[in-house]
Amino acid sequence: MLKKINTLNSKADSDWKQKWLDSAGINIKPTGVKEWFSGRASIPFKAIIALKEFSSKKDFELIFNNCSYFCTKTSSSAMFPRTLSPELTWLVAALLCDGHLCPNGSGLAFEVGDLTLAKIFSSKINAVFEAKCTEIREINRVGRKTTYVFDLSNKPVCYFFNKLFEVPFGKKCAIIRVPKLIQQANLEIKKVFLKGVFETDGGKRGGGLGLTSLSEDFVDDVSELLKEFNVDPHKESWVNKKYNKKCFGSRFKIDANSMFLLRSKGMPFDSYQKPLSFDIRQNEIVPKNNAGVG
């Protein structure tokens, strides 16, 4: 496709490639561009986006819609999912609750006290992104319980969670929220998200279930989702004397409506039936047959 575009543009403007690079903000030698056209080197994503100005809509869509794997010069590659699947939804919830994105955007980490949960997170990252995963590390700190850490050094995956699901870089506990893509999703996706939240960060409280967070907005957002399943949480707040920080929480009774939130060993997603797709160019959910990206 690039060779076709080059042939068409060169007839009208022999300097079109330089204009293309300038538009994309890329400084590269002509030999580097030849590597793109020959297929020996990957094209930067911003160069693909800038190509829209120098090709027909049909040609651009054909190239763009076939972009599945992304990488950087200093990072491993990753496949970007096109559908808001239950596995991806669960990963977003788990990352918000018990994980974090590196401050410099180089990767992510997930740390929990349950080895099984760490393995589930690792397997889903591998399944969703086809990313090269590291071994889970066991951390033993003096005076604290053993935890298990899964690290992933992968910039594309890190930026995927940040740009599409609003997961903040670095310290995030007090500023997280339920992502807009989740809030706009159908009930089945919201159910999976809630399961991810309570399977990682939830716990028993007052004979029922509860959630604790430093982010009042996150607790409020989760409560709004719970109400869609006829679960009416009671909100509360207190000051953690050990860390001198204000905490926010919600609790509710275990009944037929909230039973799906009880933690299980696996995540079968048996009730998931209505897949959604999102357009990675516009960062919004669209009907699957109109997704435009496969």
C-alpha atoms as a PDB file:
ATOM      1  CA  MET A   1       0.000   0.000   0.000  1.00  0.00           C
ATOM      2  CA  LEU A   2       2.844   2.392   0.800  1.00  0.00           C
ATOM      3  CA  LYS A   3       4.433   1.751  -2.585  1.00  0.00           C
ATOM      4  CA  LYS A   4       1.098   2.487  -4.256  1.00  0.00           C
ATOM      5  CA  ILE A   5       0.696   5.739  -2.314  1.00  0.00           C
ATOM      6  CA  ASN A   6       4.284   6.719  -3.116  1.00  0.00           C
ATOM      7  CA  THR A   7       3.773   6.134  -6.842  1.00  0.00           C
ATOM      8  CA  LEU A   8       0.610   8.232  -6.931  1.00  0.00           C
ATOM      9  CA  ASN A   9       2.030  11.098  -4.867  1.00  0.00           C
ATOM     10  CA  SER A  10       5.439  11.223  -6.572  1.00  0.00           C
ATOM     11  CA  LYS A  11       3.798  11.998  -9.899  1.00  0.00           C
ATOM     12  CA  ALA A  12       2.276  15.160  -8.455  1.00  0.00           C
ATOM     13  CA  ASP A  13       4.952  16.125  -5.912  1.00  0.00           C
ATOM     14  CA  SER A  14       8.408  14.569  -5.761  1.00  0.00           C
ATOM     15  CA  ASP A  15       8.950  16.061  -2.296  1.00  0.00           C
ATOM     16  CA  TRP A  16       5.792  14.609  -0.745  1.00  0.00           C
ATOM     17  CA  LYS A  17       7.650  12.202   1.587  1.00  0.00           C
ATOM     18  CA  GLN A  18       9.498  15.052   3.283  1.00  0.00           C
ATOM     19  CA  LYS A  19       6.234  16.919   3.734  1.00  0.00           C
ATOM     20  CA  TRP A  20       4.742  13.740   5.194  1.00  0.00           C
ATOM     21  CA  LEU A  21       7.604  13.410   7.703  1.00  0.00           C
ATOM     22  CA  ASP A  22       7.382  17.092   8.635  1.00  0.00           C
ATOM     23  CA  SER A  23       3.638  16.707   9.214  1.00  0.00           C
ATOM     24  CA  ALA A  24       4.289  13.724  11.507  1.00  0.00           C
ATOM     25  CA  GLY A  25       7.105  15.498  13.335  1.00  0.00           C
ATOM     26  CA  ILE A  26       9.639  12.801  12.450  1.00  0.00           C
ATOM     27  CA  ASN A  27      13.301  13.442  11.717  1.00  0.00           C
ATOM     28  CA  ILE A  28      14.723  10.447   9.872  1.00  0.00           C
ATOM     29  CA  LYS A  29      17.208   9.816   7.082  1.00  0.00           C
ATOM     30  CA  PRO A  30      15.890   8.869   3.613  1.00  0.00           C
ATOM     31  CA  THR A  31      17.378   5.412   4.074  1.00  0.00           C
ATOM     32  CA  GLY A  32      15.142   4.951   7.093  1.00  0.00           C
ATOM     33  CA  VAL A  33      12.042   5.752   5.071  1.00  0.00           C
ATOM     34  CA  LYS A  34      13.137   3.202   2.464  1.00  0.00           C
ATOM     35  CA  GLU A  35      13.154   0.598   5.235  1.00  0.00           C
ATOM     36  CA  TRP A  36       9.490   1.390   5.892  1.00  0.00           C
ATOM     37  CA  PHE A  37       8.552   0.998   2.259  1.00  0.00           C
ATOM     38  CA  SER A  38      10.448  -2.270   1.909  1.00  0.00           C
ATOM     39  CA  GLY A  39       8.835  -3.732   5.008  1.00  0.00           C
ATOM     40  CA  ARG A  40      12.160  -4.203   6.811  1.00  0.00           C
ATOM     41  CA  ALA A  41      11.256  -1.709   9.547  1.00  0.00           C
ATOM     42  CA  SER A  42       8.056  -0.825  11.376  1.00  0.00           C
ATOM     43  CA  ILE A  43       6.381   2.519  10.713  1.00  0.00           C
ATOM     44  CA  PRO A  44       5.823   4.832  13.731  1.00  0.00           C
ATOM     45  CA  PHE A  45       2.183   5.177  14.636  1.00  0.00           C
ATOM     46  CA  LYS A  46       2.291   8.968  14.270  1.00  0.00           C
ATOM     47  CA  ALA A  47       3.597   8.507  10.712  1.00  0.00           C
ATOM     48  CA  ILE A  48       0.594   6.305   9.928  1.00  0.00           C
ATOM     49  CA  ILE A  49      -1.769   8.924  11.328  1.00  0.00           C
ATOM     50  CA  ALA A  50      -0.082  11.699   9.289  1.00  0.00           C
ATOM     51  CA  LEU A  51      -0.442   9.552   6.166  1.00  0.00           C
ATOM     52  CA  LYS A  52      -4.135  10.411   6.200  1.00  0.00           C
ATOM     53  CA  GLU A  53      -3.318  13.777   4.626  1.00  0.00           C
ATOM     54  CA  PHE A  54      -1.372  12.188   1.768  1.00  0.00           C
ATOM     55  CA  SER A  55      -3.577   9.276   0.736  1.00  0.00           C
ATOM     56  CA  SER A  56      -7.139   8.533  -0.213  1.00  0.00           C
ATOM     57  CA  LYS A  57      -9.576   7.690   2.545  1.00  0.00           C
ATOM     58  CA  LYS A  58      -9.886   4.138   1.230  1.00  0.00           C
ATOM     59  CA  ASP A  59      -6.127   3.516   1.189  1.00  0.00           C
ATOM     60  CA  PHE A  60      -5.643   5.051   4.618  1.00  0.00           C
ATOM     61  CA  GLU A  61      -8.430   2.967   6.161  1.00  0.00           C
ATOM     62  CA  LEU A  62      -6.975  -0.196   4.621  1.00  0.00           C
ATOM     63  CA  ILE A  63      -3.604   0.466   6.240  1.00  0.00           C
ATOM     64  CA  PHE A  64      -4.951   1.721   9.558  1.00  0.00           C
ATOM     65  CA  ASN A  65      -7.509  -1.017  10.027  1.00  0.00           C
ATOM     66  CA  ASN A  66      -4.817  -3.668   9.646  1.00  0.00           C
ATOM     67  CA  CYS A  67      -2.626  -2.232  12.407  1.00  0.00           C
ATOM     68  CA  SER A  68      -2.787  -4.708  15.264  1.00  0.00           C
ATOM     69  CA  TYR A  69       0.695  -4.809  16.770  1.00  0.00           C
ATOM     70  CA  PHE A  70       2.476  -1.781  18.211  1.00  0.00           C
ATOM     71  CA  CYS A  71       5.931  -1.240  19.653  1.00  0.00           C
ATOM     72  CA  THR A  72       8.535   1.413  20.433  1.00  0.00           C
ATOM     73  CA  LYS A  73      12.296   1.457  19.905  1.00  0.00           C
ATOM     74  CA  THR A  74      12.881   0.647  23.558  1.00  0.00           C
ATOM     75  CA  SER A  75       9.937  -1.620  24.286  1.00  0.00           C
ATOM     76  CA  SER A  76       8.485  -4.979  23.353  1.00  0.00           C
ATOM     77  CA  SER A  77       5.581  -5.169  20.941  1.00  0.00           C
ATOM     78  CA  ALA A  78       1.954  -5.725  21.916  1.00  0.00           C
ATOM     79  CA  MET A  79      -1.279  -6.501  20.128  1.00  0.00           C
ATOM     80  CA  PHE A  80      -3.979  -3.899  20.737  1.00  0.00           C
ATOM     81  CA  PRO A  81      -7.420  -5.458  21.305  1.00  0.00           C
ATOM     82  CA  ARG A  82     -10.310  -4.012  19.321  1.00  0.00           C
ATOM     83  CA  THR A  83     -13.135  -5.249  21.540  1.00  0.00           C
ATOM     84  CA  LEU A  84     -14.025  -4.488  25.117  1.00  0.00           C
ATOM     85  CA  SER A  85     -13.844  -8.131  26.138  1.00  0.00           C
ATOM     86  CA  PRO A  86     -14.495  -9.516  29.639  1.00  0.00           C
ATOM     87  CA  GLU A  87     -10.794 -10.325  29.999  1.00  0.00           C
ATOM     88  CA  LEU A  88      -9.748  -6.755  29.180  1.00  0.00           C
ATOM     89  CA  THR A  89     -12.494  -5.347  31.416  1.00  0.00           C
ATOM     90  CA  TRP A  90     -11.303  -7.450  34.348  1.00  0.00           C
ATOM     91  CA  LEU A  91      -7.702  -6.330  33.755  1.00  0.00           C
ATOM     92  CA  VAL A  92      -8.738  -2.652  33.882  1.00  0.00           C
ATOM     93  CA  ALA A  93     -10.488  -3.182  37.219  1.00  0.00           C
ATOM     94  CA  ALA A  94      -7.601  -5.177  38.684  1.00  0.00           C
ATOM     95  CA  LEU A  95      -5.027  -2.628  37.531  1.00  0.00           C
ATOM     96  CA  LEU A  96      -6.985   0.266  39.044  1.00  0.00           C
ATOM     97  CA  CYS A  97      -7.263  -1.520  42.376  1.00  0.00           C
ATOM     98  CA  ASP A  98      -4.016  -3.435  42.913  1.00  0.00           C
ATOM     99  CA  GLY A  99      -1.686  -2.305  40.154  1.00  0.00           C
ATOM    100  CA  HIS A 100      -0.073   0.806  38.742  1.00  0.00           C
ATOM    101  CA  LEU A 101       1.461   2.239  35.600  1.00  0.00           C
ATOM    102  CA  CYS A 102       5.104   3.300  35.842  1.00  0.00           C
ATOM    103  CA  PRO A 103       5.512   7.099  36.138  1.00  0.00           C
ATOM    104  CA  ASN A 104       7.587   7.217  32.933  1.00  0.00           C
ATOM    105  CA  GLY A 105       5.131   5.068  30.986  1.00  0.00           C
ATOM    106  CA  SER A 106       7.589   2.198  30.574  1.00  0.00           C
ATOM    107  CA  GLY A 107       5.280  -0.529  31.863  1.00  0.00           C
ATOM    108  CA  LEU A 108       3.030  -1.681  34.665  1.00  0.00           C
ATOM    109  CA  ALA A 109       3.064  -3.718  37.860  1.00  0.00           C
ATOM    110  CA  PHE A 110       0.443  -5.726  39.749  1.00  0.00           C
ATOM    111  CA  GLU A 111       1.041  -6.719  43.386  1.00  0.00           C
ATOM    112  CA  VAL A 112      -1.267  -8.840  45.534  1.00  0.00           C
ATOM    113  CA  GLY A 113      -1.060 -11.240  48.451  1.00  0.00           C
ATOM    114  CA  ASP A 114      -2.673 -14.066  46.459  1.00  0.00           C
ATOM    115  CA  LEU A 115      -0.447 -16.003  44.047  1.00  0.00           C
ATOM    116  CA  THR A 116      -3.464 -17.352  42.158  1.00  0.00           C
ATOM    117  CA  LEU A 117      -4.722 -13.821  41.528  1.00  0.00           C
ATOM    118  CA  ALA A 118      -1.278 -12.755  40.269  1.00  0.00           C
ATOM    119  CA  LYS A 119      -1.227 -15.724  37.882  1.00  0.00           C
ATOM    120  CA  ILE A 120      -4.712 -14.855  36.583  1.00  0.00           C
ATOM    121  CA  PHE A 121      -3.590 -11.278  35.904  1.00  0.00           C
ATOM    122  CA  SER A 122      -0.470 -12.506  34.101  1.00  0.00           C
ATOM    123  CA  SER A 123      -2.381 -14.981  31.944  1.00  0.00           C
ATOM    124  CA  LYS A 124      -4.962 -12.389  30.915  1.00  0.00           C
ATOM    125  CA  ILE A 125      -2.278  -9.832  29.999  1.00  0.00           C
ATOM    126  CA  ASN A 126      -0.669 -12.455  27.795  1.00  0.00           C
ATOM    127  CA  ALA A 127      -3.976 -13.476  26.224  1.00  0.00           C
ATOM    128  CA  VAL A 128      -5.242  -9.938  25.553  1.00  0.00           C
ATOM    129  CA  PHE A 129      -2.003  -8.252  24.426  1.00  0.00           C
ATOM    130  CA  GLU A 130       0.176 -11.205  23.386  1.00  0.00           C
ATOM    131  CA  ALA A 131       2.865  -9.480  25.409  1.00  0.00           C
ATOM    132  CA  LYS A 132       6.104 -11.059  26.558  1.00  0.00           C
ATOM    133  CA  CYS A 133       5.472 -11.587  30.261  1.00  0.00           C
ATOM    134  CA  THR A 134       7.968 -11.959  33.080  1.00  0.00           C
ATOM    135  CA  GLU A 135       7.878 -14.458  35.920  1.00  0.00           C
ATOM    136  CA  ILE A 136       5.896 -13.532  39.014  1.00  0.00           C
ATOM    137  CA  ARG A 137       8.186 -12.404  41.844  1.00  0.00           C
ATOM    138  CA  GLU A 138       7.701 -13.259  45.518  1.00  0.00           C
ATOM    139  CA  ILE A 139       8.328 -10.304  47.838  1.00  0.00           C
ATOM    140  CA  ASN A 140       9.057 -10.854  51.537  1.00  0.00           C
ATOM    141  CA  ARG A 141       9.208  -7.677  53.622  1.00  0.00           C
ATOM    142  CA  VAL A 142      10.034  -7.637  57.330  1.00  0.00           C
ATOM    143  CA  GLY A 143       6.882  -7.448  59.408  1.00  0.00           C
ATOM    144  CA  ARG A 144       4.561  -7.754  56.405  1.00  0.00           C
ATOM    145  CA  LYS A 145       2.787 -10.559  54.620  1.00  0.00           C
ATOM    146  CA  THR A 146       4.279 -12.104  51.492  1.00  0.00           C
ATOM    147  CA  THR A 147       3.110 -10.525  48.254  1.00  0.00           C
ATOM    148  CA  TYR A 148       3.413 -11.548  44.618  1.00  0.00           C
ATOM    149  CA  VAL A 149       4.385  -9.073  41.920  1.00  0.00           C
ATOM    150  CA  PHE A 150       3.840  -9.259  38.198  1.00  0.00           C
ATOM    151  CA  ASP A 151       5.834  -6.732  36.162  1.00  0.00           C
ATOM    152  CA  LEU A 152       5.462  -5.942  32.479  1.00  0.00           C
ATOM    153  CA  SER A 153       7.943  -3.717  30.673  1.00  0.00           C
ATOM    154  CA  ASN A 154       5.901  -2.608  27.685  1.00  0.00           C
ATOM    155  CA  LYS A 155       5.203   1.012  26.730  1.00  0.00           C
ATOM    156  CA  PRO A 156       2.395   0.302  24.241  1.00  0.00           C
ATOM    157  CA  VAL A 157       0.390  -1.628  26.852  1.00  0.00           C
ATOM    158  CA  CYS A 158       1.050   1.075  29.447  1.00  0.00           C
ATOM    159  CA  TYR A 159      -0.157   3.866  27.171  1.00  0.00           C
ATOM    160  CA  PHE A 160      -3.115   1.748  26.058  1.00  0.00           C
ATOM    161  CA  PHE A 161      -4.447   1.641  29.631  1.00  0.00           C
ATOM    162  CA  ASN A 162      -3.640   5.314  30.185  1.00  0.00           C
ATOM    163  CA  LYS A 163      -5.179   6.766  27.026  1.00  0.00           C
ATOM    164  CA  LEU A 164      -8.214   4.516  26.648  1.00  0.00           C
ATOM    165  CA  PHE A 165      -9.078   3.718  30.250  1.00  0.00           C
ATOM    166  CA  GLU A 166      -7.714   6.796  32.028  1.00  0.00           C
ATOM    167  CA  VAL A 167      -5.460   4.818  34.380  1.00  0.00           C
ATOM    168  CA  PRO A 168      -3.056   7.472  35.752  1.00  0.00           C
ATOM    169  CA  PHE A 169       0.716   7.146  35.553  1.00  0.00           C
ATOM    170  CA  GLY A 170       2.495   6.715  38.883  1.00  0.00           C
ATOM    171  CA  LYS A 171       0.697   7.197  42.204  1.00  0.00           C
ATOM    172  CA  LYS A 172      -3.022   6.937  41.576  1.00  0.00           C
ATOM    173  CA  CYS A 173      -4.819   5.714  44.710  1.00  0.00           C
ATOM    174  CA  ALA A 174      -6.479   9.052  45.507  1.00  0.00           C
ATOM    175  CA  ILE A 175      -7.386  10.036  41.934  1.00  0.00           C
ATOM    176  CA  ILE A 176      -8.715   6.928  40.180  1.00  0.00           C
ATOM    177  CA  ARG A 177     -12.219   6.782  38.726  1.00  0.00           C
ATOM    178  CA  VAL A 178     -14.305   4.232  36.847  1.00  0.00           C
ATOM    179  CA  PRO A 179     -13.290   4.754  33.179  1.00  0.00           C
ATOM    180  CA  LYS A 180     -15.820   6.372  30.854  1.00  0.00           C
ATOM    181  CA  LEU A 181     -15.660   3.354  28.513  1.00  0.00           C
ATOM    182  CA  ILE A 182     -16.871   1.172  31.380  1.00  0.00           C
ATOM    183  CA  GLN A 183     -19.587   3.632  32.408  1.00  0.00           C
ATOM    184  CA  GLN A 184     -20.891   3.632  28.812  1.00  0.00           C
ATOM    185  CA  ALA A 185     -20.806  -0.158  28.437  1.00  0.00           C
ATOM    186  CA  ASN A 186     -23.652  -2.643  28.738  1.00  0.00           C
ATOM    187  CA  LEU A 187     -24.614  -4.374  31.979  1.00  0.00           C
ATOM    188  CA  GLU A 188     -22.596  -7.506  31.262  1.00  0.00           C
ATOM    189  CA  ILE A 189     -19.376  -5.514  30.919  1.00  0.00           C
ATOM    190  CA  LYS A 190     -20.201  -3.510  34.051  1.00  0.00           C
ATOM    191  CA  LYS A 191     -20.776  -6.765  35.922  1.00  0.00           C
ATOM    192  CA  VAL A 192     -17.335  -8.057  34.920  1.00  0.00           C
ATOM    193  CA  PHE A 193     -15.743  -4.749  35.968  1.00  0.00           C
ATOM    194  CA  LEU A 194     -17.409  -4.911  39.371  1.00  0.00           C
ATOM    195  CA  LYS A 195     -16.248  -8.514  39.788  1.00  0.00           C
ATOM    196  CA  GLY A 196     -12.696  -7.387  39.020  1.00  0.00           C
ATOM    197  CA  VAL A 197     -12.928  -4.594  41.596  1.00  0.00           C
ATOM    198  CA  PHE A 198     -14.205  -6.794  44.411  1.00  0.00           C
ATOM    199  CA  GLU A 199     -12.035  -9.806  43.568  1.00  0.00           C
ATOM    200  CA  THR A 200      -8.933  -7.642  43.971  1.00  0.00           C
ATOM    201  CA  ASP A 201      -9.839  -4.830  46.376  1.00  0.00           C
ATOM    202  CA  GLY A 202     -13.082  -5.870  48.007  1.00  0.00           C
ATOM    203  CA  GLY A 203     -13.550  -7.643  51.314  1.00  0.00           C
ATOM    204  CA  LYS A 204     -15.980  -8.671  54.021  1.00  0.00           C
ATOM    205  CA  ARG A 205     -17.325  -5.873  56.171  1.00  0.00           C
ATOM    206  CA  GLY A 206     -20.056  -5.896  58.805  1.00  0.00           C
ATOM    207  CA  GLY A 207     -21.436  -9.225  57.717  1.00  0.00           C
ATOM    208  CA  GLY A 208     -21.543  -8.099  54.083  1.00  0.00           C
ATOM    209  CA  LEU A 209     -19.144  -6.911  51.412  1.00  0.00           C
ATOM    210  CA  GLY A 210     -17.256  -3.649  51.270  1.00  0.00           C
ATOM    211  CA  LEU A 211     -14.789  -1.561  49.297  1.00  0.00           C
ATOM    212  CA  THR A 212     -12.151   0.862  50.576  1.00  0.00           C
ATOM    213  CA  SER A 213     -10.260   3.487  48.582  1.00  0.00           C
ATOM    214  CA  LEU A 214      -8.407   6.766  49.000  1.00  0.00           C
ATOM    215  CA  SER A 215     -10.420   8.040  46.035  1.00  0.00           C
ATOM    216  CA  GLU A 216     -13.893   9.241  46.964  1.00  0.00           C
ATOM    217  CA  ASP A 217     -14.751   9.546  43.257  1.00  0.00           C
ATOM    218  CA  PHE A 218     -13.916   5.878  42.667  1.00  0.00           C
ATOM    219  CA  VAL A 219     -16.102   4.734  45.555  1.00  0.00           C
ATOM    220  CA  ASP A 220     -18.952   6.918  44.270  1.00  0.00           C
ATOM    221  CA  ASP A 221     -18.536   5.657  40.688  1.00  0.00           C
ATOM    222  CA  VAL A 222     -18.528   2.032  41.817  1.00  0.00           C
ATOM    223  CA  SER A 223     -21.616   2.669  43.950  1.00  0.00           C
ATOM    224  CA  GLU A 224     -23.458   4.017  40.913  1.00  0.00           C
ATOM    225  CA  LEU A 225     -22.617   0.834  39.002  1.00  0.00           C
ATOM    226  CA  LEU A 226     -23.789  -1.309  41.914  1.00  0.00           C
ATOM    227  CA  LYS A 227     -27.146   0.457  41.944  1.00  0.00           C
ATOM    228  CA  GLU A 228     -27.710  -0.701  38.359  1.00  0.00           C
ATOM    229  CA  PHE A 229     -27.763  -4.241  39.793  1.00  0.00           C
ATOM    230  CA  ASN A 230     -30.127  -3.296  42.606  1.00  0.00           C
ATOM    231  CA  VAL A 231     -27.315  -3.222  45.155  1.00  0.00           C
ATOM    232  CA  ASP A 232     -27.642  -0.223  47.464  1.00  0.00           C
ATOM    233  CA  PRO A 233     -24.291   0.485  49.188  1.00  0.00           C
ATOM    234  CA  HIS A 234     -23.875   2.545  52.334  1.00  0.00           C
ATOM    235  CA  LYS A 235     -21.099   5.142  52.030  1.00  0.00           C
ATOM    236  CA  GLU A 236     -18.693   5.882  54.874  1.00  0.00           C
ATOM    237  CA  SER A 237     -15.402   7.666  55.520  1.00  0.00           C
ATOM    238  CA  TRP A 238     -12.720   7.727  58.220  1.00  0.00           C
ATOM    239  CA  VAL A 239      -9.121   8.754  58.847  1.00  0.00           C
ATOM    240  CA  ASN A 240      -6.477   6.042  58.759  1.00  0.00           C
ATOM    241  CA  LYS A 241      -4.472   6.820  61.909  1.00  0.00           C
ATOM    242  CA  LYS A 242      -1.417   4.870  60.761  1.00  0.00           C
ATOM    243  CA  TYR A 243      -1.001   6.850  57.530  1.00  0.00           C
ATOM    244  CA  ASN A 244      -3.027   9.920  58.547  1.00  0.00           C
ATOM    245  CA  LYS A 245      -5.044   9.760  55.336  1.00  0.00           C
ATOM    246  CA  LYS A 246      -8.769  10.005  54.788  1.00  0.00           C
ATOM    247  CA  CYS A 247     -10.304   6.828  53.437  1.00  0.00           C
ATOM    248  CA  PHE A 248     -13.627   6.281  51.749  1.00  0.00           C
ATOM    249  CA  GLY A 249     -15.653   3.125  51.612  1.00  0.00           C
ATOM    250  CA  SER A 250     -18.949   1.475  50.863  1.00  0.00           C
ATOM    251  CA  ARG A 251     -20.589  -1.618  52.248  1.00  0.00           C
ATOM    252  CA  PHE A 252     -23.700  -3.612  51.472  1.00  0.00           C
ATOM    253  CA  LYS A 253     -25.350  -6.869  52.435  1.00  0.00           C
ATOM    254  CA  ILE A 254     -24.850 -10.127  50.597  1.00  0.00           C
ATOM    255  CA  ASP A 255     -28.083 -11.153  48.910  1.00  0.00           C
ATOM    256  CA  ALA A 256     -29.315 -12.488  45.591  1.00  0.00           C
ATOM    257  CA  ASN A 257     -28.424  -9.188  43.861  1.00  0.00           C
ATOM    258  CA  SER A 258     -24.841  -8.952  45.151  1.00  0.00           C
ATOM    259  CA  MET A 259     -24.002 -12.665  45.151  1.00  0.00           C
ATOM    260  CA  PHE A 260     -22.094 -12.353  41.857  1.00  0.00           C
ATOM    261  CA  LEU A 261     -19.464 -10.231  43.643  1.00  0.00           C
ATOM    262  CA  LEU A 262     -18.350 -13.018  45.966  1.00  0.00           C
ATOM    263  CA  ARG A 263     -14.802 -13.932  45.096  1.00  0.00           C
ATOM    264  CA  SER A 264     -14.241 -17.082  43.071  1.00  0.00           C
ATOM    265  CA  LYS A 265     -11.059 -18.920  42.129  1.00  0.00           C
ATOM    266  CA  GLY A 266     -11.587 -18.362  38.415  1.00  0.00           C
ATOM    267  CA  MET A 267     -13.192 -15.791  36.156  1.00  0.00           C
ATOM    268  CA  PRO A 268     -15.483 -17.801  33.835  1.00  0.00           C
ATOM    269  CA  PHE A 269     -17.607 -14.849  32.645  1.00  0.00           C
ATOM    270  CA  ASP A 270     -20.435 -17.277  31.865  1.00  0.00           C
ATOM    271  CA  SER A 271     -23.006 -14.465  31.643  1.00  0.00           C
ATOM    272  CA  TYR A 272     -21.048 -12.412  29.122  1.00  0.00           C
ATOM    273  CA  GLN A 273     -22.971 -12.387  25.860  1.00  0.00           C
ATOM    274  CA  LYS A 274     -22.946  -8.916  24.305  1.00  0.00           C
ATOM    275  CA  PRO A 275     -19.511  -7.894  22.994  1.00  0.00           C
ATOM    276  CA  LEU A 276     -18.766  -4.258  22.295  1.00  0.00           C
ATOM    277  CA  SER A 277     -16.066  -2.721  20.163  1.00  0.00           C
ATOM    278  CA  PHE A 278     -14.371   0.618  20.532  1.00  0.00           C
ATOM    279  CA  ASP A 279     -12.686   2.779  17.940  1.00  0.00           C
ATOM    280  CA  ILE A 280      -9.121   3.403  19.130  1.00  0.00           C
ATOM    281  CA  ARG A 281      -8.984   6.564  17.038  1.00  0.00           C
ATOM    282  CA  GLN A 282     -11.899   8.233  18.782  1.00  0.00           C
ATOM    283  CA  ASN A 283     -11.673   6.593  22.219  1.00  0.00           C
ATOM    284  CA  GLU A 284     -15.342   5.742  22.385  1.00  0.00           C
ATOM    285  CA  ILE A 285     -17.554   2.700  22.278  1.00  0.00           C
ATOM    286  CA  VAL A 286     -19.383   2.094  19.029  1.00  0.00           C
ATOM    287  CA  PRO A 287     -21.659  -0.735  17.886  1.00  0.00           C
ATOM    288  CA  LYS A 288     -19.616  -3.748  16.806  1.00  0.00           C
ATOM    289  CA  ASN A 289     -20.818  -3.767  13.200  1.00  0.00           C
ATOM    290  CA  ASN A 290     -19.846  -0.108  12.859  1.00  0.00           C
ATOM    291  CA  ALA A 291     -16.541  -0.219  14.704  1.00  0.00           C
ATOM    292  CA  GLY A 292     -14.478   0.615  11.632  1.00  0.00           C
ATOM    293  CA  VAL A 293     -11.422  -1.158  13.028  1.00  0.00           C
ATOM    294  CA  GLY A 294     -12.294  -4.780  12.604  1.00  0.00           C
END
